[in-house]
Amino acid sequence: LSINGYTPLIENPFKFVQFFILPWITLAIAYAALYTRFTRAAVLETLGEDYIRTARAKGVKERTVLFKHTMRAVFAPIITLAGLDFAGLIGGAIITETIFNLPGLGRLTLRSTFEFDLPVVLATTILAAAVVIIMNLIIDMLYAVLDPRVRI
């Protein structure tokens, strides 16, 4: 695994995937502990709710209580956190692309900033903002899927 020698997907798919392993691991480790801790806290909080105790008192299987009732309630805050972190990942693309020598919008934005190429800086900033807005829209739609009380 190396951080040099980027190969486009079309030329060699194996080398392309091999090149991205380190950036993926770097980004995953940064967020894995946060999501694990957040999920655990949300599950423990949800397991103490009245509707969970009622389901258990009715004799619903523990597996059904955990996956159908608990996880459905836990996914809403996790999706919110994922949306916020997605915006942070776009902002951190400049650092990630620079460290791992990746071609991308973050690096293009940084290079254009140093070269005072204002139209490119504006275009990449607007594109990043549009991606964040679209991601937030998708998250809002996921709320409606997970929670029947939410209407779009």
N, C-alpha and C. Protein backbone atom coordinates (compact mmCIF):
# COMPACT_ATOMS: atom_id res chain seq x y z
N LEU A 1 0.85 -1.18 0.00
CA LEU A 1 0.00 0.00 0.00
C LEU A 1 0.88 1.23 0.00
N SER A 2 0.63 2.11 -0.92
CA SER A 2 1.44 3.30 -1.02
C SER A 2 0.56 4.51 -1.26
N ILE A 3 1.12 5.68 -0.94
CA ILE A 3 0.35 6.89 -1.17
C ILE A 3 0.74 7.56 -2.48
N ASN A 4 1.64 6.97 -3.19
CA ASN A 4 2.05 7.50 -4.49
C ASN A 4 1.61 6.56 -5.59
N GLY A 5 1.47 7.08 -6.78
CA GLY A 5 1.16 6.24 -7.92
C GLY A 5 -0.31 6.03 -8.15
N TYR A 6 -1.09 7.09 -8.11
CA TYR A 6 -2.52 7.00 -8.38
C TYR A 6 -2.74 6.45 -9.78
N THR A 7 -3.61 5.45 -9.88
CA THR A 7 -3.96 4.85 -11.16
C THR A 7 -5.45 5.01 -11.37
N PRO A 8 -5.89 5.56 -12.49
CA PRO A 8 -7.33 5.70 -12.74
C PRO A 8 -8.02 4.34 -12.80
N LEU A 9 -9.30 4.33 -12.48
CA LEU A 9 -10.10 3.11 -12.45
C LEU A 9 -10.11 2.40 -13.80
N ILE A 10 -10.15 3.16 -14.87
CA ILE A 10 -10.23 2.58 -16.22
C ILE A 10 -8.95 1.82 -16.58
N GLU A 11 -7.80 2.34 -16.14
CA GLU A 11 -6.53 1.70 -16.48
C GLU A 11 -6.32 0.38 -15.74
N ASN A 12 -6.51 0.40 -14.41
CA ASN A 12 -6.26 -0.79 -13.61
C ASN A 12 -7.17 -0.76 -12.37
N PRO A 13 -8.30 -1.44 -12.40
CA PRO A 13 -9.22 -1.40 -11.26
C PRO A 13 -8.61 -1.91 -9.96
N PHE A 14 -7.75 -2.93 -10.03
CA PHE A 14 -7.14 -3.47 -8.81
C PHE A 14 -6.24 -2.43 -8.15
N LYS A 15 -5.38 -1.78 -8.92
CA LYS A 15 -4.50 -0.75 -8.36
C LYS A 15 -5.29 0.45 -7.85
N PHE A 16 -6.37 0.77 -8.52
CA PHE A 16 -7.23 1.87 -8.09
C PHE A 16 -7.77 1.60 -6.69
N VAL A 17 -8.32 0.41 -6.49
CA VAL A 17 -8.86 0.04 -5.17
C VAL A 17 -7.74 -0.05 -4.15
N GLN A 18 -6.61 -0.63 -4.53
CA GLN A 18 -5.48 -0.76 -3.62
C GLN A 18 -4.98 0.62 -3.17
N PHE A 19 -4.99 1.58 -4.08
CA PHE A 19 -4.52 2.92 -3.74
C PHE A 19 -5.45 3.60 -2.74
N PHE A 20 -6.74 3.30 -2.80
CA PHE A 20 -7.70 3.97 -1.93
C PHE A 20 -7.87 3.31 -0.56
N ILE A 21 -7.22 2.18 -0.32
CA ILE A 21 -7.38 1.50 0.97
C ILE A 21 -6.92 2.38 2.12
N LEU A 22 -5.75 3.00 2.02
CA LEU A 22 -5.26 3.84 3.12
C LEU A 22 -6.15 5.06 3.39
N PRO A 23 -6.58 5.81 2.38
CA PRO A 23 -7.49 6.91 2.69
C PRO A 23 -8.80 6.43 3.31
N TRP A 24 -9.34 5.30 2.84
CA TRP A 24 -10.59 4.78 3.40
C TRP A 24 -10.39 4.39 4.86
N ILE A 25 -9.29 3.71 5.16
CA ILE A 25 -9.02 3.31 6.55
C ILE A 25 -8.84 4.55 7.42
N THR A 26 -8.13 5.53 6.92
CA THR A 26 -7.91 6.76 7.69
C THR A 26 -9.23 7.44 8.03
N LEU A 27 -10.10 7.56 7.05
CA LEU A 27 -11.39 8.21 7.29
C LEU A 27 -12.30 7.34 8.17
N ALA A 28 -12.24 6.03 8.00
CA ALA A 28 -13.10 5.13 8.78
C ALA A 28 -12.70 5.13 10.25
N ILE A 29 -11.42 5.09 10.54
CA ILE A 29 -10.96 5.07 11.93
C ILE A 29 -11.37 6.36 12.63
N ALA A 30 -11.32 7.45 11.92
CA ALA A 30 -11.67 8.73 12.54
C ALA A 30 -13.12 8.76 13.01
N TYR A 31 -14.00 8.08 12.29
CA TYR A 31 -15.42 8.13 12.64
C TYR A 31 -15.95 6.88 13.33
N ALA A 32 -15.23 5.77 13.28
CA ALA A 32 -15.73 4.50 13.83
C ALA A 32 -16.00 4.59 15.32
N ALA A 33 -15.09 5.15 16.08
CA ALA A 33 -15.28 5.25 17.53
C ALA A 33 -16.46 6.15 17.86
N LEU A 34 -16.60 7.24 17.15
CA LEU A 34 -17.70 8.16 17.39
C LEU A 34 -19.05 7.49 17.15
N TYR A 35 -19.18 6.80 16.02
CA TYR A 35 -20.45 6.15 15.70
C TYR A 35 -20.74 4.99 16.65
N THR A 36 -19.72 4.26 17.04
CA THR A 36 -19.92 3.15 17.98
C THR A 36 -20.42 3.67 19.32
N ARG A 37 -19.77 4.68 19.83
CA ARG A 37 -20.17 5.25 21.12
C ARG A 37 -21.56 5.87 21.05
N PHE A 38 -21.83 6.57 19.98
CA PHE A 38 -23.12 7.23 19.81
C PHE A 38 -24.25 6.20 19.69
N THR A 39 -24.00 5.14 18.92
CA THR A 39 -25.01 4.09 18.74
C THR A 39 -25.28 3.38 20.05
N ARG A 40 -24.23 3.06 20.78
CA ARG A 40 -24.40 2.37 22.07
C ARG A 40 -25.23 3.22 23.03
N ALA A 41 -24.91 4.50 23.13
CA ALA A 41 -25.66 5.38 24.03
C ALA A 41 -27.12 5.48 23.61
N ALA A 42 -27.37 5.59 22.31
CA ALA A 42 -28.75 5.71 21.83
C ALA A 42 -29.53 4.42 22.06
N VAL A 43 -28.89 3.26 21.87
CA VAL A 43 -29.57 1.98 22.11
C VAL A 43 -29.90 1.82 23.58
N LEU A 44 -28.94 2.13 24.45
CA LEU A 44 -29.20 2.01 25.89
C LEU A 44 -30.32 2.93 26.34
N GLU A 45 -30.35 4.14 25.78
CA GLU A 45 -31.42 5.07 26.12
C GLU A 45 -32.77 4.57 25.62
N THR A 46 -32.80 4.06 24.41
CA THR A 46 -34.05 3.58 23.82
C THR A 46 -34.57 2.34 24.53
N LEU A 47 -33.67 1.47 24.98
CA LEU A 47 -34.10 0.25 25.66
C LEU A 47 -34.83 0.54 26.97
N GLY A 48 -34.64 1.73 27.51
CA GLY A 48 -35.33 2.11 28.74
C GLY A 48 -36.68 2.78 28.51
N GLU A 49 -37.08 2.94 27.27
CA GLU A 49 -38.35 3.62 26.96
C GLU A 49 -39.55 2.74 27.30
N ASP A 50 -40.68 3.39 27.51
CA ASP A 50 -41.91 2.69 27.90
C ASP A 50 -42.38 1.72 26.82
N TYR A 51 -42.31 2.11 25.56
CA TYR A 51 -42.84 1.23 24.51
C TYR A 51 -42.00 -0.04 24.36
N ILE A 52 -40.73 0.02 24.73
CA ILE A 52 -39.89 -1.18 24.70
C ILE A 52 -40.30 -2.11 25.84
N ARG A 53 -40.51 -1.54 27.03
CA ARG A 53 -40.98 -2.37 28.16
C ARG A 53 -42.35 -2.97 27.87
N THR A 54 -43.20 -2.20 27.21
CA THR A 54 -44.53 -2.71 26.86
C THR A 54 -44.42 -3.87 25.87
N ALA A 55 -43.56 -3.74 24.88
CA ALA A 55 -43.37 -4.82 23.91
C ALA A 55 -42.85 -6.08 24.59
N ARG A 56 -41.92 -5.91 25.52
CA ARG A 56 -41.40 -7.07 26.25
C ARG A 56 -42.48 -7.70 27.12
N ALA A 57 -43.30 -6.85 27.75
CA ALA A 57 -44.37 -7.36 28.61
C ALA A 57 -45.41 -8.13 27.80
N LYS A 58 -45.60 -7.74 26.55
CA LYS A 58 -46.56 -8.45 25.69
C LYS A 58 -46.00 -9.78 25.19
N GLY A 59 -44.73 -10.03 25.44
CA GLY A 59 -44.13 -11.30 25.04
C GLY A 59 -43.48 -11.28 23.67
N VAL A 60 -43.22 -10.10 23.14
CA VAL A 60 -42.56 -9.99 21.84
C VAL A 60 -41.12 -10.50 22.01
N LYS A 61 -40.65 -11.24 21.02
CA LYS A 61 -39.30 -11.80 21.08
C LYS A 61 -38.27 -10.68 21.23
N GLU A 62 -37.21 -10.97 21.97
CA GLU A 62 -36.17 -9.98 22.22
C GLU A 62 -35.52 -9.50 20.91
N ARG A 63 -35.35 -10.40 19.99
CA ARG A 63 -34.77 -10.04 18.69
C ARG A 63 -35.66 -9.04 17.95
N THR A 64 -36.97 -9.25 18.00
CA THR A 64 -37.91 -8.34 17.35
C THR A 64 -37.89 -6.98 18.04
N VAL A 65 -37.84 -7.01 19.37
CA VAL A 65 -37.79 -5.75 20.13
C VAL A 65 -36.54 -4.97 19.75
N LEU A 66 -35.42 -5.68 19.69
CA LEU A 66 -34.15 -5.01 19.41
C LEU A 66 -34.09 -4.45 17.99
N PHE A 67 -34.44 -5.27 17.01
CA PHE A 67 -34.26 -4.84 15.62
C PHE A 67 -35.42 -4.01 15.08
N LYS A 68 -36.64 -4.36 15.42
CA LYS A 68 -37.77 -3.64 14.86
C LYS A 68 -38.05 -2.33 15.60
N HIS A 69 -38.06 -2.40 16.92
CA HIS A 69 -38.45 -1.22 17.69
C HIS A 69 -37.26 -0.34 18.07
N THR A 70 -36.22 -0.95 18.59
CA THR A 70 -35.09 -0.17 19.09
C THR A 70 -34.28 0.45 17.95
N MET A 71 -33.86 -0.37 17.00
CA MET A 71 -32.98 0.14 15.96
C MET A 71 -33.66 1.17 15.06
N ARG A 72 -34.93 1.01 14.87
CA ARG A 72 -35.65 2.00 14.05
C ARG A 72 -35.62 3.37 14.72
N ALA A 73 -35.73 3.39 16.05
CA ALA A 73 -35.67 4.66 16.78
C ALA A 73 -34.25 5.20 16.86
N VAL A 74 -33.27 4.32 16.86
CA VAL A 74 -31.88 4.74 17.00
C VAL A 74 -31.32 5.31 15.69
N PHE A 75 -31.83 4.84 14.55
CA PHE A 75 -31.26 5.27 13.27
C PHE A 75 -31.46 6.75 12.98
N ALA A 76 -32.50 7.37 13.48
CA ALA A 76 -32.73 8.79 13.18
C ALA A 76 -31.58 9.68 13.65
N PRO A 77 -31.15 9.60 14.92
CA PRO A 77 -30.02 10.45 15.31
C PRO A 77 -28.71 10.06 14.63
N ILE A 78 -28.55 8.79 14.31
CA ILE A 78 -27.32 8.36 13.63
C ILE A 78 -27.28 8.93 12.21
N ILE A 79 -28.41 8.96 11.55
CA ILE A 79 -28.47 9.53 10.20
C ILE A 79 -28.18 11.03 10.25
N THR A 80 -28.68 11.70 11.28
CA THR A 80 -28.38 13.12 11.44
C THR A 80 -26.88 13.33 11.59
N LEU A 81 -26.26 12.53 12.43
CA LEU A 81 -24.81 12.63 12.64
C LEU A 81 -24.06 12.34 11.34
N ALA A 82 -24.52 11.36 10.59
CA ALA A 82 -23.87 11.03 9.31
C ALA A 82 -23.95 12.20 8.33
N GLY A 83 -25.08 12.88 8.31
CA GLY A 83 -25.22 14.04 7.44
C GLY A 83 -24.26 15.16 7.80
N LEU A 84 -24.11 15.40 9.10
CA LEU A 84 -23.17 16.42 9.54
C LEU A 84 -21.73 16.02 9.23
N ASP A 85 -21.43 14.75 9.44
CA ASP A 85 -20.08 14.28 9.15
C ASP A 85 -19.78 14.27 7.66
N PHE A 86 -20.79 14.06 6.84
CA PHE A 86 -20.59 14.10 5.39
C PHE A 86 -20.11 15.49 4.97
N ALA A 87 -20.71 16.52 5.53
CA ALA A 87 -20.27 17.88 5.23
C ALA A 87 -18.83 18.08 5.69
N GLY A 88 -18.49 17.51 6.83
CA GLY A 88 -17.11 17.60 7.31
C GLY A 88 -16.13 16.85 6.42
N LEU A 89 -16.57 15.73 5.86
CA LEU A 89 -15.71 14.99 4.95
C LEU A 89 -15.41 15.78 3.69
N ILE A 90 -16.41 16.51 3.21
CA ILE A 90 -16.18 17.34 2.02
C ILE A 90 -15.18 18.44 2.36
N GLY A 91 -15.34 19.03 3.54
CA GLY A 91 -14.38 20.05 3.96
C GLY A 91 -12.99 19.49 4.18
N GLY A 92 -12.92 18.25 4.66
CA GLY A 92 -11.63 17.62 4.90
C GLY A 92 -11.01 17.00 3.66
N ALA A 93 -11.70 17.09 2.54
CA ALA A 93 -11.18 16.52 1.30
C ALA A 93 -9.87 17.18 0.89
N ILE A 94 -9.73 18.44 1.20
CA ILE A 94 -8.50 19.15 0.85
C ILE A 94 -7.31 18.48 1.53
N ILE A 95 -7.46 18.19 2.82
CA ILE A 95 -6.37 17.58 3.59
C ILE A 95 -6.12 16.15 3.11
N THR A 96 -7.19 15.37 2.99
CA THR A 96 -7.05 13.97 2.59
C THR A 96 -6.42 13.86 1.20
N GLU A 97 -6.89 14.66 0.27
CA GLU A 97 -6.36 14.59 -1.09
C GLU A 97 -4.92 15.06 -1.16
N THR A 98 -4.55 16.01 -0.32
CA THR A 98 -3.17 16.49 -0.32
C THR A 98 -2.24 15.44 0.29
N ILE A 99 -2.64 14.86 1.43
CA ILE A 99 -1.78 13.87 2.09
C ILE A 99 -1.58 12.64 1.22
N PHE A 100 -2.66 12.14 0.62
CA PHE A 100 -2.57 10.91 -0.15
C PHE A 100 -2.36 11.13 -1.64
N ASN A 101 -2.09 12.37 -2.02
CA ASN A 101 -1.77 12.70 -3.42
C ASN A 101 -2.87 12.24 -4.38
N LEU A 102 -4.11 12.57 -4.02
CA LEU A 102 -5.27 12.19 -4.83
C LEU A 102 -5.73 13.36 -5.69
N PRO A 103 -6.13 13.10 -6.91
CA PRO A 103 -6.76 14.16 -7.68
C PRO A 103 -8.22 14.28 -7.24
N GLY A 104 -8.69 15.51 -7.06
CA GLY A 104 -10.07 15.68 -6.64
C GLY A 104 -10.44 17.14 -6.48
N LEU A 105 -11.69 17.37 -6.07
CA LEU A 105 -12.17 18.75 -5.93
C LEU A 105 -11.46 19.52 -4.83
N GLY A 106 -11.12 18.84 -3.75
CA GLY A 106 -10.43 19.52 -2.66
C GLY A 106 -9.08 20.04 -3.10
N ARG A 107 -8.35 19.21 -3.77
CA ARG A 107 -7.04 19.61 -4.26
C ARG A 107 -7.15 20.69 -5.34
N LEU A 108 -8.16 20.57 -6.19
CA LEU A 108 -8.40 21.59 -7.22
C LEU A 108 -8.72 22.93 -6.57
N THR A 109 -9.53 22.90 -5.52
CA THR A 109 -9.88 24.13 -4.81
C THR A 109 -8.64 24.76 -4.19
N LEU A 110 -7.81 23.94 -3.55
CA LEU A 110 -6.60 24.45 -2.91
C LEU A 110 -5.65 25.05 -3.95
N ARG A 111 -5.42 24.33 -5.03
CA ARG A 111 -4.52 24.83 -6.08
C ARG A 111 -5.06 26.13 -6.69
N SER A 112 -6.37 26.18 -6.92
CA SER A 112 -6.98 27.38 -7.50
C SER A 112 -6.91 28.56 -6.55
N THR A 113 -6.99 28.29 -5.27
CA THR A 113 -6.88 29.36 -4.28
C THR A 113 -5.49 29.97 -4.32
N PHE A 114 -4.46 29.12 -4.37
CA PHE A 114 -3.09 29.63 -4.41
C PHE A 114 -2.78 30.35 -5.72
N GLU A 115 -3.46 29.98 -6.78
CA GLU A 115 -3.24 30.62 -8.08
C GLU A 115 -4.20 31.79 -8.32
N PHE A 116 -5.02 32.12 -7.33
CA PHE A 116 -6.00 33.21 -7.41
C PHE A 116 -6.95 33.03 -8.60
N ASP A 117 -7.34 31.80 -8.84
CA ASP A 117 -8.28 31.48 -9.92
C ASP A 117 -9.69 31.49 -9.33
N LEU A 118 -10.27 32.67 -9.22
CA LEU A 118 -11.54 32.86 -8.53
C LEU A 118 -12.70 32.07 -9.13
N PRO A 119 -12.87 32.02 -10.45
CA PRO A 119 -14.00 31.25 -11.00
C PRO A 119 -13.96 29.77 -10.60
N VAL A 120 -12.79 29.16 -10.58
CA VAL A 120 -12.69 27.75 -10.20
C VAL A 120 -12.98 27.59 -8.71
N VAL A 121 -12.48 28.49 -7.89
CA VAL A 121 -12.76 28.43 -6.44
C VAL A 121 -14.25 28.56 -6.19
N LEU A 122 -14.90 29.49 -6.87
CA LEU A 122 -16.35 29.66 -6.70
C LEU A 122 -17.11 28.43 -7.19
N ALA A 123 -16.71 27.88 -8.32
CA ALA A 123 -17.40 26.71 -8.86
C ALA A 123 -17.27 25.50 -7.93
N THR A 124 -16.08 25.25 -7.41
CA THR A 124 -15.91 24.10 -6.52
C THR A 124 -16.63 24.31 -5.20
N THR A 125 -16.66 25.54 -4.72
CA THR A 125 -17.38 25.83 -3.48
C THR A 125 -18.88 25.65 -3.66
N ILE A 126 -19.41 26.14 -4.76
CA ILE A 126 -20.84 25.98 -5.04
C ILE A 126 -21.19 24.51 -5.24
N LEU A 127 -20.32 23.77 -5.91
CA LEU A 127 -20.55 22.33 -6.10
C LEU A 127 -20.56 21.59 -4.77
N ALA A 128 -19.61 21.91 -3.89
CA ALA A 128 -19.58 21.27 -2.57
C ALA A 128 -20.83 21.63 -1.77
N ALA A 129 -21.26 22.89 -1.84
CA ALA A 129 -22.47 23.30 -1.13
C ALA A 129 -23.70 22.58 -1.68
N ALA A 130 -23.76 22.42 -2.99
CA ALA A 130 -24.89 21.71 -3.60
C ALA A 130 -24.92 20.25 -3.18
N VAL A 131 -23.77 19.62 -3.09
CA VAL A 131 -23.70 18.22 -2.65
C VAL A 131 -24.18 18.10 -1.21
N VAL A 132 -23.79 19.03 -0.35
CA VAL A 132 -24.24 19.00 1.05
C VAL A 132 -25.75 19.21 1.13
N ILE A 133 -26.28 20.11 0.34
CA ILE A 133 -27.73 20.35 0.34
C ILE A 133 -28.48 19.12 -0.14
N ILE A 134 -27.99 18.48 -1.19
CA ILE A 134 -28.63 17.26 -1.69
C ILE A 134 -28.56 16.15 -0.65
N MET A 135 -27.42 16.04 0.04
CA MET A 135 -27.28 15.03 1.09
C MET A 135 -28.27 15.29 2.22
N ASN A 136 -28.45 16.54 2.60
CA ASN A 136 -29.42 16.87 3.65
C ASN A 136 -30.84 16.55 3.20
N LEU A 137 -31.14 16.75 1.94
CA LEU A 137 -32.46 16.39 1.40
C LEU A 137 -32.68 14.88 1.47
N ILE A 138 -31.66 14.12 1.12
CA ILE A 138 -31.75 12.65 1.20
C ILE A 138 -31.96 12.21 2.64
N ILE A 139 -31.27 12.84 3.57
CA ILE A 139 -31.42 12.50 4.99
C ILE A 139 -32.84 12.81 5.46
N ASP A 140 -33.39 13.93 5.03
CA ASP A 140 -34.77 14.25 5.40
C ASP A 140 -35.75 13.22 4.85
N MET A 141 -35.50 12.73 3.65
CA MET A 141 -36.36 11.68 3.09
C MET A 141 -36.21 10.37 3.85
N LEU A 142 -35.01 10.08 4.31
CA LEU A 142 -34.79 8.87 5.10
C LEU A 142 -35.54 8.93 6.43
N TYR A 143 -35.67 10.13 7.00
CA TYR A 143 -36.46 10.28 8.22
C TYR A 143 -37.88 9.79 8.00
N ALA A 144 -38.46 10.15 6.87
CA ALA A 144 -39.84 9.75 6.57
C ALA A 144 -39.95 8.24 6.42
N VAL A 145 -38.91 7.61 5.91
CA VAL A 145 -38.93 6.15 5.78
C VAL A 145 -38.82 5.48 7.14
N LEU A 146 -37.95 6.01 8.00
CA LEU A 146 -37.71 5.38 9.30
C LEU A 146 -38.79 5.68 10.32
N ASP A 147 -39.34 6.88 10.29
CA ASP A 147 -40.32 7.28 11.29
C ASP A 147 -41.63 7.64 10.60
N PRO A 148 -42.66 6.83 10.77
CA PRO A 148 -43.93 7.10 10.08
C PRO A 148 -44.61 8.40 10.53
N ARG A 149 -44.20 8.95 11.67
CA ARG A 149 -44.79 10.21 12.13
C ARG A 149 -44.32 11.39 11.30
N VAL A 150 -43.16 11.26 10.67
CA VAL A 150 -42.60 12.34 9.86
C VAL A 150 -43.22 12.30 8.47
N ARG A 151 -43.71 13.44 8.03
CA ARG A 151 -44.30 13.54 6.69
C ARG A 151 -43.53 14.59 5.90
N ILE A 152 -43.37 14.30 4.63
CA ILE A 152 -42.65 15.24 3.76
C ILE A 152 -43.67 16.04 2.97
